[in-house]
N, C-alpha and C. Protein backbone atom coordinates (compact mmCIF):
# COMPACT_ATOMS: atom_id res chain seq x y z
N UNK A 1 -8.30 55.00 -18.51
CA UNK A 1 -9.48 55.17 -18.03
C UNK A 1 -10.08 55.49 -16.95
N UNK A 2 -11.33 56.65 -16.92
CA UNK A 2 -11.29 56.79 -15.37
C UNK A 2 -12.64 56.06 -14.99
N UNK A 3 -12.39 55.08 -14.16
CA UNK A 3 -13.31 54.41 -13.38
C UNK A 3 -13.54 53.70 -12.19
N UNK A 4 -13.39 54.73 -11.05
CA UNK A 4 -12.87 54.37 -9.93
C UNK A 4 -13.96 53.42 -9.19
N UNK A 5 -13.35 52.43 -8.96
CA UNK A 5 -14.46 51.90 -7.93
C UNK A 5 -13.91 51.14 -6.50
N UNK A 6 -12.93 51.71 -6.16
CA UNK A 6 -12.41 50.57 -4.99
C UNK A 6 -11.46 52.08 -3.79
N UNK A 7 -11.54 51.53 -2.50
CA UNK A 7 -11.04 52.68 -1.88
C UNK A 7 -9.83 52.94 -1.94
N UNK A 8 -8.45 54.03 -1.81
CA UNK A 8 -7.82 54.59 -2.17
C UNK A 8 -7.24 55.16 -1.20
N UNK A 9 -5.76 54.62 -0.84
CA UNK A 9 -5.00 54.92 0.57
C UNK A 9 -3.75 56.10 -0.11
N UNK A 10 -4.38 57.27 0.18
CA UNK A 10 -2.78 58.24 -0.42
C UNK A 10 -1.40 58.12 0.45
N UNK A 11 -0.73 58.80 0.08
CA UNK A 11 0.48 58.83 1.32
C UNK A 11 0.45 59.58 2.44
N UNK A 12 1.03 59.23 3.61
CA UNK A 12 0.68 59.84 4.61
C UNK A 12 -0.67 59.93 5.13
N UNK A 13 -0.52 60.63 6.12
CA UNK A 13 -1.98 60.64 7.41
C UNK A 13 -3.45 60.63 6.59
N UNK A 14 -3.45 60.93 5.49
CA UNK A 14 -4.69 61.43 4.43
C UNK A 14 -5.43 60.16 3.78
N UNK A 15 -6.64 59.64 4.17
CA UNK A 15 -7.26 58.48 3.60
C UNK A 15 -8.29 59.11 2.98
N UNK A 16 -8.87 58.57 1.52
CA UNK A 16 -9.66 58.82 0.74
C UNK A 16 -10.99 57.21 0.84
N UNK A 17 -11.81 57.62 1.41
CA UNK A 17 -12.83 56.38 1.68
C UNK A 17 -14.01 56.74 0.34
N UNK A 18 -14.58 55.56 0.49
CA UNK A 18 -15.18 55.07 -0.67
C UNK A 18 -16.20 56.05 -1.25
N UNK A 19 -17.19 56.83 -0.31
CA UNK A 19 -18.12 57.74 -0.23
C UNK A 19 -17.53 59.10 -0.84
N UNK A 20 -15.87 59.31 -0.77
CA UNK A 20 -15.43 60.11 -1.21
C UNK A 20 -14.91 59.89 -2.38
N UNK A 21 -14.89 58.97 -3.20
CA UNK A 21 -14.41 58.54 -4.27
C UNK A 21 -15.40 58.61 -4.91
N UNK A 22 -16.62 58.09 -4.74
CA UNK A 22 -17.86 58.09 -5.64
C UNK A 22 -18.38 59.20 -5.74
N UNK A 23 -18.32 60.31 -5.09
CA UNK A 23 -18.53 61.71 -5.14
C UNK A 23 -17.79 62.58 -6.07
N UNK A 24 -16.53 62.37 -6.39
CA UNK A 24 -15.34 62.60 -6.93
C UNK A 24 -15.71 62.35 -8.65
N UNK A 25 -15.99 60.56 -8.28
CA UNK A 25 -16.35 60.56 -9.79
C UNK A 25 -17.45 60.81 -10.32
N UNK A 26 -18.43 60.76 -9.76
CA UNK A 26 -19.60 61.67 -10.04
C UNK A 26 -19.44 63.15 -10.41
N UNK A 27 -18.68 63.76 -9.89
CA UNK A 27 -18.56 65.67 -9.84
C UNK A 27 -17.65 65.40 -11.08
N UNK A 28 -16.31 64.35 -11.82
CA UNK A 28 -15.93 64.10 -13.11
C UNK A 28 -16.80 64.20 -13.87
N UNK A 29 -17.68 63.16 -13.67
CA UNK A 29 -18.52 62.64 -14.74
C UNK A 29 -19.61 63.81 -15.18
N UNK A 30 -19.96 64.37 -14.27
CA UNK A 30 -20.95 65.74 -14.68
C UNK A 30 -20.04 66.54 -14.95
N UNK A 31 -18.82 66.83 -15.16
CA UNK A 31 -17.93 67.93 -15.49
C UNK A 31 -17.80 67.54 -16.74
N UNK A 32 -17.56 66.70 -16.88
CA UNK A 32 -17.03 66.21 -18.25
C UNK A 32 -18.57 66.38 -19.24
N UNK A 33 -19.44 65.35 -19.16
CA UNK A 33 -20.65 65.78 -19.89
C UNK A 33 -20.90 67.40 -19.77
N UNK A 34 -20.96 68.18 -18.98
CA UNK A 34 -21.10 69.40 -19.34
C UNK A 34 -20.36 70.62 -19.60
N UNK A 35 -19.09 70.11 -19.78
CA UNK A 35 -18.30 71.55 -20.09
C UNK A 35 -17.51 70.65 -21.54
N UNK A 36 -17.18 69.18 -20.93
CA UNK A 36 -16.13 68.88 -22.38
C UNK A 36 -16.86 67.46 -22.50
N UNK A 37 -17.32 67.23 -23.35
CA UNK A 37 -18.07 65.88 -23.83
C UNK A 37 -17.09 64.93 -24.10
N UNK A 38 -17.31 63.50 -23.06
CA UNK A 38 -15.98 62.62 -22.98
C UNK A 38 -16.15 62.02 -24.47
N UNK A 39 -14.68 61.67 -24.58
CA UNK A 39 -14.09 60.80 -25.72
C UNK A 39 -15.04 59.87 -26.07
N UNK A 40 -14.99 58.67 -25.12
CA UNK A 40 -15.94 57.51 -24.74
C UNK A 40 -16.49 56.94 -23.81
N UNK A 41 -17.58 57.26 -23.78
CA UNK A 41 -18.77 56.81 -22.98
C UNK A 41 -18.98 54.98 -23.01
N UNK A 42 -18.93 54.23 -22.02
CA UNK A 42 -19.57 53.34 -22.15
C UNK A 42 -20.34 52.47 -20.83
N UNK A 43 -20.98 51.65 -21.14
CA UNK A 43 -21.83 50.70 -20.40
C UNK A 43 -22.36 49.54 -20.94
N UNK A 44 -22.42 48.55 -19.72
CA UNK A 44 -23.12 47.00 -20.40
C UNK A 44 -24.66 47.16 -20.11
N UNK A 45 -25.28 46.04 -20.57
CA UNK A 45 -26.68 45.59 -20.27
C UNK A 45 -26.59 43.77 -20.49
N UNK A 46 -27.42 43.44 -19.74
CA UNK A 46 -27.72 41.88 -19.72
C UNK A 46 -28.34 41.74 -21.13
N UNK A 47 -28.25 40.57 -22.05
CA UNK A 47 -29.29 40.11 -22.90
C UNK A 47 -29.36 38.70 -22.94
N UNK A 48 -29.91 38.06 -23.99
CA UNK A 48 -30.23 36.64 -23.93
C UNK A 48 -28.93 35.86 -24.58
N UNK A 49 -27.97 36.87 -25.25
CA UNK A 49 -26.90 36.55 -25.79
C UNK A 49 -25.57 36.75 -24.79
N UNK A 50 -25.80 36.96 -23.55
CA UNK A 50 -24.57 37.60 -22.51
C UNK A 50 -24.44 38.65 -22.57
N UNK A 51 -23.55 39.50 -21.31
CA UNK A 51 -23.65 40.85 -21.15
C UNK A 51 -22.73 41.60 -22.44
N UNK A 52 -23.34 42.46 -22.51
CA UNK A 52 -23.11 43.79 -23.48
C UNK A 52 -22.45 44.65 -23.14
N UNK A 53 -21.33 45.30 -23.81
CA UNK A 53 -20.69 46.63 -23.64
C UNK A 53 -21.19 47.29 -24.87
N UNK A 54 -21.82 48.60 -24.61
CA UNK A 54 -21.90 49.78 -25.87
C UNK A 54 -21.18 50.74 -25.29
N UNK A 55 -20.57 51.17 -26.14
CA UNK A 55 -19.73 52.69 -26.19
C UNK A 55 -20.09 53.51 -27.16
N UNK A 56 -19.76 54.58 -26.88
CA UNK A 56 -19.87 55.51 -27.58
C UNK A 56 -19.73 57.20 -27.54
N UNK A 57 -19.38 57.61 -28.71
CA UNK A 57 -19.12 59.16 -29.27
C UNK A 57 -19.61 59.87 -29.25
N UNK A 58 -19.30 61.38 -29.53
CA UNK A 58 -20.26 62.31 -29.60
C UNK A 58 -20.59 62.14 -30.88
N UNK A 59 -20.39 61.27 -32.09
CA UNK A 59 -20.61 61.04 -33.37
C UNK A 59 -21.83 59.47 -32.93
N UNK A 60 -21.82 59.18 -32.51
CA UNK A 60 -22.66 57.84 -32.44
C UNK A 60 -22.33 56.59 -31.73
N UNK A 61 -22.84 55.65 -31.70
CA UNK A 61 -22.53 54.60 -31.35
C UNK A 61 -21.10 53.94 -31.96
N UNK A 62 -20.22 53.37 -31.50
CA UNK A 62 -18.46 53.53 -31.74
C UNK A 62 -18.81 51.60 -31.70
N UNK A 63 -19.39 50.99 -30.76
CA UNK A 63 -18.70 49.79 -30.47
C UNK A 63 -20.01 48.98 -29.48
N UNK A 64 -19.57 47.82 -30.16
CA UNK A 64 -20.79 46.83 -29.11
C UNK A 64 -20.68 45.62 -29.06
N UNK A 65 -20.05 44.83 -28.01
CA UNK A 65 -19.22 43.58 -27.87
C UNK A 65 -19.92 42.92 -27.04
N UNK A 66 -19.23 41.48 -27.38
CA UNK A 66 -20.22 40.30 -26.54
C UNK A 66 -18.89 40.19 -25.12
N UNK A 67 -19.47 39.57 -24.17
CA UNK A 67 -18.88 38.93 -23.14
C UNK A 67 -17.74 38.35 -23.53
N UNK A 68 -17.46 37.26 -24.70
CA UNK A 68 -16.53 36.48 -25.24
C UNK A 68 -15.76 37.07 -25.55
N UNK A 69 -15.86 38.56 -26.35
CA UNK A 69 -14.81 39.05 -26.83
C UNK A 69 -13.66 39.67 -25.77
N UNK A 70 -14.54 39.69 -24.39
CA UNK A 70 -13.66 40.39 -23.27
C UNK A 70 -13.52 41.98 -23.37
N UNK A 71 -14.54 42.38 -22.24
CA UNK A 71 -14.67 44.07 -22.59
C UNK A 71 -13.92 44.65 -22.11
N UNK A 72 -12.84 44.01 -21.05
CA UNK A 72 -11.54 44.81 -20.57
C UNK A 72 -10.46 45.29 -21.78
N UNK A 73 -10.67 44.07 -22.75
CA UNK A 73 -9.24 43.72 -24.26
C UNK A 73 -10.66 44.79 -25.07
N UNK A 74 -11.96 44.98 -24.92
CA UNK A 74 -12.30 45.93 -25.75
C UNK A 74 -12.19 47.50 -25.24
N UNK A 75 -12.25 47.75 -24.25
CA UNK A 75 -11.95 48.91 -23.86
C UNK A 75 -10.27 49.64 -23.66
N UNK A 76 -10.12 48.83 -24.10
CA UNK A 76 -8.09 48.91 -23.95
C UNK A 76 -7.92 48.82 -25.73
N UNK A 77 -8.67 48.45 -26.43
CA UNK A 77 -8.42 48.45 -27.76
C UNK A 77 -8.63 49.65 -28.55
N UNK A 78 -9.87 50.25 -27.59
CA UNK A 78 -10.82 51.74 -27.68
C UNK A 78 -9.71 52.74 -27.81
N UNK A 79 -9.21 52.77 -26.38
CA UNK A 79 -8.14 53.60 -25.80
C UNK A 79 -6.93 53.63 -26.79
N UNK A 80 -6.29 52.79 -27.30
CA UNK A 80 -5.36 52.53 -28.31
C UNK A 80 -5.64 53.30 -29.94
N UNK A 81 -7.14 53.00 -30.01
CA UNK A 81 -7.27 53.43 -31.62
C UNK A 81 -7.88 54.44 -31.68
N UNK A 82 -8.92 54.86 -30.35
CA UNK A 82 -9.57 56.00 -30.49
C UNK A 82 -9.13 57.11 -29.36
N UNK A 83 -9.62 57.26 -28.45
CA UNK A 83 -8.82 57.67 -27.21
C UNK A 83 -9.27 57.36 -26.02
N UNK A 84 -7.76 57.51 -24.79
CA UNK A 84 -7.75 56.89 -23.58
C UNK A 84 -8.87 57.67 -22.68
N UNK A 85 -9.55 58.79 -23.04
CA UNK A 85 -10.04 59.14 -22.20
C UNK A 85 -11.88 58.69 -22.41
N UNK A 86 -12.12 57.61 -21.58
CA UNK A 86 -13.09 56.81 -21.53
C UNK A 86 -13.47 56.40 -20.51
N UNK A 87 -14.78 56.86 -20.33
CA UNK A 87 -15.28 56.60 -18.59
C UNK A 87 -16.59 55.96 -18.58
N UNK A 88 -17.01 55.40 -18.01
CA UNK A 88 -18.32 54.14 -17.39
C UNK A 88 -19.55 55.45 -17.26
N UNK A 89 -20.63 55.40 -18.28
CA UNK A 89 -21.41 56.70 -18.27
C UNK A 89 -22.60 56.69 -18.50
N UNK A 90 -23.33 55.34 -17.84
CA UNK A 90 -24.44 54.35 -18.03
C UNK A 90 -25.68 55.52 -19.02
N UNK A 91 -25.96 57.03 -18.02
CA UNK A 91 -27.20 57.82 -18.86
C UNK A 91 -26.80 57.96 -19.84
N UNK A 92 -25.68 58.16 -20.32
CA UNK A 92 -25.46 59.17 -21.88
C UNK A 92 -25.81 57.79 -22.94
N UNK A 93 -26.00 56.66 -22.35
CA UNK A 93 -26.29 55.30 -23.26
C UNK A 93 -27.81 54.66 -23.09
N UNK A 94 -28.65 55.32 -22.84
CA UNK A 94 -29.84 54.86 -22.24
C UNK A 94 -30.51 54.57 -23.52
N UNK A 95 -30.64 55.75 -23.99
CA UNK A 95 -31.27 55.24 -25.32
C UNK A 95 -30.89 53.96 -26.26
N UNK A 96 -29.27 53.98 -26.35
CA UNK A 96 -29.18 52.35 -27.26
C UNK A 96 -29.08 51.43 -26.18
N UNK A 97 -29.21 51.38 -25.08
CA UNK A 97 -29.62 50.48 -23.70
C UNK A 97 -30.99 50.15 -24.23
N UNK A 98 -32.01 50.93 -23.94
CA UNK A 98 -33.31 51.08 -24.34
C UNK A 98 -33.90 49.88 -25.51
N UNK A 99 -33.29 50.57 -26.62
CA UNK A 99 -33.62 50.15 -28.09
C UNK A 99 -32.96 48.62 -28.06
N UNK A 100 -31.90 48.53 -27.67
CA UNK A 100 -31.22 46.96 -27.74
C UNK A 100 -32.33 45.89 -26.87
N UNK A 101 -32.76 46.23 -25.95
CA UNK A 101 -33.48 45.31 -24.99
C UNK A 101 -34.96 45.17 -25.24
N UNK A 102 -35.50 46.30 -26.25
CA UNK A 102 -36.67 46.35 -27.30
C UNK A 102 -36.65 45.07 -28.02
N UNK A 103 -35.21 45.11 -28.93
CA UNK A 103 -35.08 44.25 -29.61
C UNK A 103 -35.07 43.08 -29.12
N UNK A 104 -34.45 42.77 -28.34
CA UNK A 104 -34.27 40.94 -27.70
C UNK A 104 -35.60 41.14 -27.37
N UNK A 105 -36.02 41.89 -26.55
CA UNK A 105 -37.90 41.16 -26.28
C UNK A 105 -38.70 41.57 -27.61
N UNK A 106 -38.44 41.49 -28.48
CA UNK A 106 -38.99 41.46 -29.85
C UNK A 106 -39.91 42.37 -30.28
N UNK A 107 -39.74 43.37 -29.60
CA UNK A 107 -40.44 44.34 -29.84
C UNK A 107 -40.00 45.88 -30.52
N UNK A 108 -38.91 45.62 -31.04
CA UNK A 108 -38.12 46.60 -32.30
C UNK A 108 -37.61 45.83 -33.11
N UNK A 109 -37.82 46.20 -34.28
CA UNK A 109 -36.63 45.55 -35.55
C UNK A 109 -36.32 45.99 -35.96
N UNK A 110 -35.73 47.61 -36.20
CA UNK A 110 -34.76 48.34 -36.51
C UNK A 110 -34.34 49.12 -35.57
N UNK A 111 -32.71 49.85 -35.51
CA UNK A 111 -32.55 50.49 -34.85
C UNK A 111 -32.30 51.88 -35.24
N UNK A 112 -32.21 53.14 -34.29
CA UNK A 112 -32.66 54.41 -34.96
C UNK A 112 -31.95 55.27 -33.72
N UNK A 113 -30.46 54.72 -34.25
CA UNK A 113 -29.53 55.65 -33.32
C UNK A 113 -28.16 55.94 -34.56
N UNK A 114 -27.68 57.42 -33.80
CA UNK A 114 -26.41 57.56 -35.06
C UNK A 114 -25.30 56.68 -34.57
N UNK A 115 -24.65 56.49 -35.49
CA UNK A 115 -23.55 55.62 -35.43
C UNK A 115 -22.19 56.31 -35.71
N UNK A 116 -20.97 55.94 -35.14
CA UNK A 116 -19.62 56.49 -35.50
C UNK A 116 -18.92 54.82 -36.34
N UNK A 117 -18.78 55.43 -37.65
CA UNK A 117 -17.98 54.16 -38.08
C UNK A 117 -16.78 54.24 -38.42
N UNK A 118 -15.55 54.94 -37.48
CA UNK A 118 -14.00 54.81 -37.84
C UNK A 118 -13.51 53.90 -37.71
N UNK A 119 -14.52 52.47 -36.93
CA UNK A 119 -13.73 51.33 -36.59
C UNK A 119 -13.74 50.32 -37.92
N UNK A 120 -14.23 50.99 -39.07
CA UNK A 120 -14.47 50.62 -40.52
C UNK A 120 -14.26 51.16 -41.13
N UNK A 121 -13.39 50.83 -42.44
CA UNK A 121 -12.99 51.55 -43.62
C UNK A 121 -12.91 50.92 -44.45
N UNK A 122 -12.91 51.18 -45.45
CA UNK A 122 -12.91 50.60 -47.22
C UNK A 122 -13.69 49.83 -47.15
N UNK A 123 -13.57 48.52 -47.88
CA UNK A 123 -14.63 47.87 -48.79
C UNK A 123 -15.05 47.05 -47.17
N UNK A 124 -14.72 46.90 -46.09
CA UNK A 124 -15.50 46.53 -45.08
C UNK A 124 -16.53 47.63 -44.73
N UNK A 125 -16.22 48.73 -44.20
CA UNK A 125 -17.45 49.61 -44.09
C UNK A 125 -18.34 49.73 -45.49
N UNK A 126 -18.27 49.29 -46.65
CA UNK A 126 -19.13 49.51 -47.78
C UNK A 126 -19.93 47.88 -47.20
N UNK A 127 -19.45 47.08 -47.03
CA UNK A 127 -20.39 45.67 -46.42
C UNK A 127 -21.30 46.03 -45.67
N UNK A 128 -20.58 46.82 -44.65
CA UNK A 128 -21.38 46.49 -43.39
C UNK A 128 -22.53 47.93 -43.37
N UNK A 129 -22.55 48.42 -44.22
CA UNK A 129 -23.44 49.75 -45.15
C UNK A 129 -24.66 48.71 -45.59
N UNK A 130 -24.23 47.78 -46.34
CA UNK A 130 -25.24 46.98 -46.94
C UNK A 130 -25.88 46.00 -45.78
N UNK A 131 -24.92 45.41 -44.94
CA UNK A 131 -25.62 44.60 -44.16
C UNK A 131 -26.78 45.55 -43.25
N UNK A 132 -26.72 46.73 -42.75
CA UNK A 132 -27.57 47.32 -42.26
C UNK A 132 -29.09 47.50 -43.03
N UNK A 133 -28.79 47.48 -44.05
CA UNK A 133 -29.93 47.12 -45.15
C UNK A 133 -30.84 45.72 -45.46
N UNK A 134 -30.37 45.03 -44.70
CA UNK A 134 -30.76 43.39 -44.64
C UNK A 134 -31.66 43.60 -43.55
N UNK A 135 -33.05 42.95 -43.95
CA UNK A 135 -34.20 43.26 -42.87
C UNK A 135 -34.32 42.18 -42.02
N UNK A 136 -34.96 42.83 -40.89
CA UNK A 136 -35.49 41.78 -39.84
C UNK A 136 -36.15 40.66 -40.41
N UNK A 137 -35.32 39.39 -39.69
CA UNK A 137 -35.84 38.41 -40.08
C UNK A 137 -35.26 37.66 -42.00
N UNK A 138 -34.83 38.79 -42.28
CA UNK A 138 -34.30 38.32 -43.67
C UNK A 138 -32.97 37.68 -43.68
N UNK A 139 -32.49 36.81 -44.19
CA UNK A 139 -31.04 36.47 -44.65
C UNK A 139 -30.33 36.41 -46.38
N UNK A 140 -29.08 36.67 -46.37
CA UNK A 140 -28.31 36.65 -46.93
C UNK A 140 -27.22 35.93 -47.05
N UNK A 141 -26.52 35.33 -48.31
CA UNK A 141 -25.56 34.57 -48.29
C UNK A 141 -24.36 35.52 -48.67
N UNK A 142 -23.29 35.16 -48.23
CA UNK A 142 -21.88 36.17 -48.24
C UNK A 142 -21.62 36.35 -49.63
N UNK A 143 -22.09 35.01 -50.59
CA UNK A 143 -21.92 35.68 -52.43
C UNK A 143 -22.51 37.02 -52.32
N UNK A 144 -24.03 36.71 -51.91
CA UNK A 144 -24.88 37.72 -52.35
C UNK A 144 -24.24 39.10 -51.49
N UNK A 145 -24.45 39.41 -50.34
CA UNK A 145 -23.48 40.37 -49.79
C UNK A 145 -22.27 40.97 -50.77
N UNK A 146 -21.29 40.19 -50.78
CA UNK A 146 -20.06 40.39 -51.75
C UNK A 146 -20.85 40.94 -53.12
N UNK A 147 -21.66 40.47 -53.67
CA UNK A 147 -22.11 40.95 -54.93
C UNK A 147 -22.81 42.66 -54.93
N UNK A 148 -23.57 42.66 -53.78
CA UNK A 148 -24.13 43.76 -53.58
C UNK A 148 -22.79 45.09 -52.99
N UNK A 149 -21.63 44.51 -52.59
CA UNK A 149 -20.88 45.21 -52.29
C UNK A 149 -20.03 46.12 -53.43
N UNK A 150 -20.19 45.52 -54.38
CA UNK A 150 -19.57 45.53 -55.41
C UNK A 150 -18.36 44.68 -55.90
N UNK A 151 -18.16 43.32 -55.19
CA UNK A 151 -16.85 42.61 -55.70
C UNK A 151 -17.52 41.40 -55.52
N UNK A 152 -18.32 40.38 -56.52
CA UNK A 152 -18.78 39.30 -56.14
C UNK A 152 -17.79 38.16 -56.15
N UNK A 153 -16.31 38.52 -55.85
CA UNK A 153 -15.31 37.24 -55.53
C UNK A 153 -15.09 37.34 -54.33
N UNK A 154 -15.05 38.84 -53.72
CA UNK A 154 -14.90 39.14 -52.68
C UNK A 154 -15.57 38.15 -51.29
N UNK A 155 -15.77 36.71 -51.38
CA UNK A 155 -16.44 36.64 -50.20
C UNK A 155 -15.91 36.21 -49.02
N UNK A 156 -14.75 36.19 -49.45
CA UNK A 156 -13.69 35.85 -47.55
C UNK A 156 -13.19 37.47 -47.23
N UNK A 157 -13.39 38.50 -48.34
CA UNK A 157 -13.35 39.62 -47.70
C UNK A 157 -14.73 40.24 -46.85
N UNK A 158 -15.34 39.57 -47.33
CA UNK A 158 -16.96 39.85 -46.50
C UNK A 158 -17.13 39.41 -45.23
N UNK A 159 -16.61 38.03 -45.66
CA UNK A 159 -16.47 36.85 -43.95
C UNK A 159 -15.84 37.63 -43.17
N UNK A 160 -14.53 38.59 -43.13
CA UNK A 160 -13.75 39.30 -42.48
C UNK A 160 -14.50 40.33 -41.98
N UNK A 161 -14.66 41.10 -42.69
CA UNK A 161 -15.87 42.23 -42.83
C UNK A 161 -17.02 42.23 -41.38
N UNK A 162 -17.81 40.98 -41.42
CA UNK A 162 -18.52 40.33 -40.50
C UNK A 162 -17.77 40.30 -38.96
N UNK A 163 -16.68 39.36 -39.54
CA UNK A 163 -15.61 38.69 -38.18
C UNK A 163 -15.22 39.95 -37.52
N UNK A 164 -15.28 41.33 -38.03
CA UNK A 164 -14.55 42.45 -37.31
C UNK A 164 -15.59 43.09 -37.45
N UNK A 165 -16.71 43.35 -37.49
CA UNK A 165 -17.87 44.00 -37.15
C UNK A 165 -17.83 45.01 -35.92
N UNK A 166 -17.64 46.14 -35.72
CA UNK A 166 -17.49 46.92 -34.37
C UNK A 166 -18.73 46.98 -33.77
N UNK A 167 -19.85 46.90 -34.78
CA UNK A 167 -21.56 47.24 -34.41
C UNK A 167 -22.23 45.80 -34.76
N UNK A 168 -21.92 44.58 -34.03
CA UNK A 168 -23.32 43.41 -34.14
C UNK A 168 -24.12 43.80 -33.42
N UNK A 169 -25.30 43.17 -33.87
CA UNK A 169 -26.87 43.42 -33.72
C UNK A 169 -26.90 44.83 -34.69
N UNK A 170 -26.88 45.97 -34.00
CA UNK A 170 -26.88 46.90 -34.61
C UNK A 170 -27.20 46.81 -36.10
N UNK A 171 -25.69 46.65 -36.68
CA UNK A 171 -25.42 46.20 -37.93
C UNK A 171 -25.41 45.01 -37.63
N UNK A 172 -26.26 43.92 -38.52
CA UNK A 172 -26.57 42.65 -38.36
C UNK A 172 -25.99 41.80 -39.23
N UNK A 173 -24.53 41.12 -38.56
CA UNK A 173 -24.57 40.57 -39.66
C UNK A 173 -24.32 39.11 -39.15
N UNK A 174 -25.31 38.99 -38.40
CA UNK A 174 -25.56 37.16 -38.07
C UNK A 174 -26.64 37.29 -39.04
N UNK A 175 -26.95 38.33 -40.04
CA UNK A 175 -28.04 37.59 -40.83
C UNK A 175 -27.17 37.04 -42.16
N UNK A 176 -25.90 37.18 -42.18
CA UNK A 176 -25.16 36.51 -43.06
C UNK A 176 -25.23 35.24 -43.08
N UNK A 177 -25.54 34.46 -44.07
CA UNK A 177 -25.15 32.80 -44.24
C UNK A 177 -23.83 32.22 -45.30
N UNK A 178 -24.11 30.42 -45.09
CA UNK A 178 -23.35 30.15 -46.14
C UNK A 178 -24.12 30.01 -47.11
N UNK A 179 -23.69 29.98 -48.57
CA UNK A 179 -24.97 29.65 -49.92
C UNK A 179 -25.50 28.64 -49.57
N UNK A 180 -25.07 27.13 -48.95
CA UNK A 180 -25.86 26.51 -48.34
C UNK A 180 -26.87 26.64 -47.29
N UNK A 181 -27.20 27.79 -46.44
CA UNK A 181 -27.69 27.83 -45.73
C UNK A 181 -27.32 27.98 -44.19
N UNK A 182 -25.98 26.74 -44.20
CA UNK A 182 -25.23 26.94 -42.79
C UNK A 182 -25.11 28.22 -42.04
N UNK A 183 -24.38 28.42 -40.73
CA UNK A 183 -24.43 29.65 -40.41
C UNK A 183 -22.82 30.24 -40.66
N UNK A 184 -22.15 29.90 -40.87
CA UNK A 184 -20.83 30.39 -41.02
C UNK A 184 -20.37 30.75 -39.59
N UNK A 185 -19.30 31.90 -39.97
CA UNK A 185 -18.66 31.77 -38.56
C UNK A 185 -19.76 32.82 -37.72
N UNK A 186 -19.24 33.90 -36.48
CA UNK A 186 -20.14 34.42 -35.68
C UNK A 186 -19.04 35.04 -34.91
N UNK A 187 -18.80 36.09 -34.65
CA UNK A 187 -17.85 37.14 -33.83
C UNK A 187 -18.45 36.91 -32.31
N UNK A 188 -19.96 36.77 -32.13
CA UNK A 188 -20.28 35.96 -30.85
C UNK A 188 -20.60 34.72 -30.17
N UNK A 189 -20.37 34.14 -31.38
CA UNK A 189 -20.24 32.62 -31.39
C UNK A 189 -21.27 31.75 -32.08
N UNK A 190 -21.50 31.11 -32.01
CA UNK A 190 -22.62 30.51 -33.01
C UNK A 190 -23.66 30.14 -32.59
N UNK A 191 -23.80 30.03 -31.00
CA UNK A 191 -24.86 29.97 -30.10
C UNK A 191 -25.51 31.20 -30.07
N UNK A 192 -24.74 32.59 -29.72
CA UNK A 192 -25.50 33.70 -30.18
C UNK A 192 -26.47 33.97 -31.45
N UNK A 193 -25.75 33.35 -32.70
CA UNK A 193 -26.24 33.59 -33.81
C UNK A 193 -27.53 32.83 -34.13
N UNK A 194 -27.41 31.65 -33.63
CA UNK A 194 -28.78 30.78 -33.69
C UNK A 194 -29.79 31.56 -32.74
N UNK A 195 -29.54 32.04 -31.99
CA UNK A 195 -30.53 32.88 -30.68
C UNK A 195 -31.05 33.76 -31.40
N UNK A 196 -30.50 34.56 -32.30
CA UNK A 196 -30.53 36.15 -32.91
C UNK A 196 -31.15 35.79 -34.11
N UNK A 197 -31.12 34.86 -35.02
CA UNK A 197 -31.66 34.08 -35.86
C UNK A 197 -33.42 33.44 -35.63
N UNK A 198 -32.85 32.87 -34.33
CA UNK A 198 -34.17 32.26 -34.00
C UNK A 198 -35.16 33.70 -33.24
N UNK A 199 -34.60 34.61 -32.55
CA UNK A 199 -35.43 35.74 -31.98
C UNK A 199 -36.23 36.09 -33.26
N UNK A 200 -35.62 36.44 -34.35
CA UNK A 200 -36.47 37.20 -35.93
C UNK A 200 -36.87 36.14 -36.60
N UNK A 201 -37.13 34.83 -35.94
CA UNK A 201 -37.93 33.98 -37.02
C UNK A 201 -37.39 33.87 -38.07
N UNK A 202 -35.61 33.67 -38.55
CA UNK A 202 -35.11 33.81 -39.62
C UNK A 202 -34.68 32.20 -39.79
């Protein structure tokens, strides 16, 4: 992961100072954008449910992660599963950050972002694609989602798909509840799920 944040002293008498490192970092970032797109760009934003990480590829948003997931571990996982060519590049994610901020402020009810689905496959991807169709302020039970995904008995698999959703909030797994109306689980924690449902008036 290329994310230079500290001064580095080279072997011998030559030293590189912070200003030089910053310049090299910006040059690398600009070059990567202009000549060869980054495999994964990422940034973080503040939100009512804590600091969130957003990562994208040329295909679209790849990952949204809560602070409780440990952002460093999330990036390490992306390096193993997708590519080690990762760079902090906030400007490349300005649109995603703006849409999320609009959502948290109550000014946006749906997202208009290209998505990279590669971290979900099979039945899990089918479930997530259905979750994307649950409207703002609406909820469905795990059983209802299972039926909509084509396997009414696969309630536990729906729970797993929600728990491993790589794109929370954008793909609104927080809108899935137990049949009795209780919250069930949530990747970002139950407090975050309550906050999101309250924000939507669900």
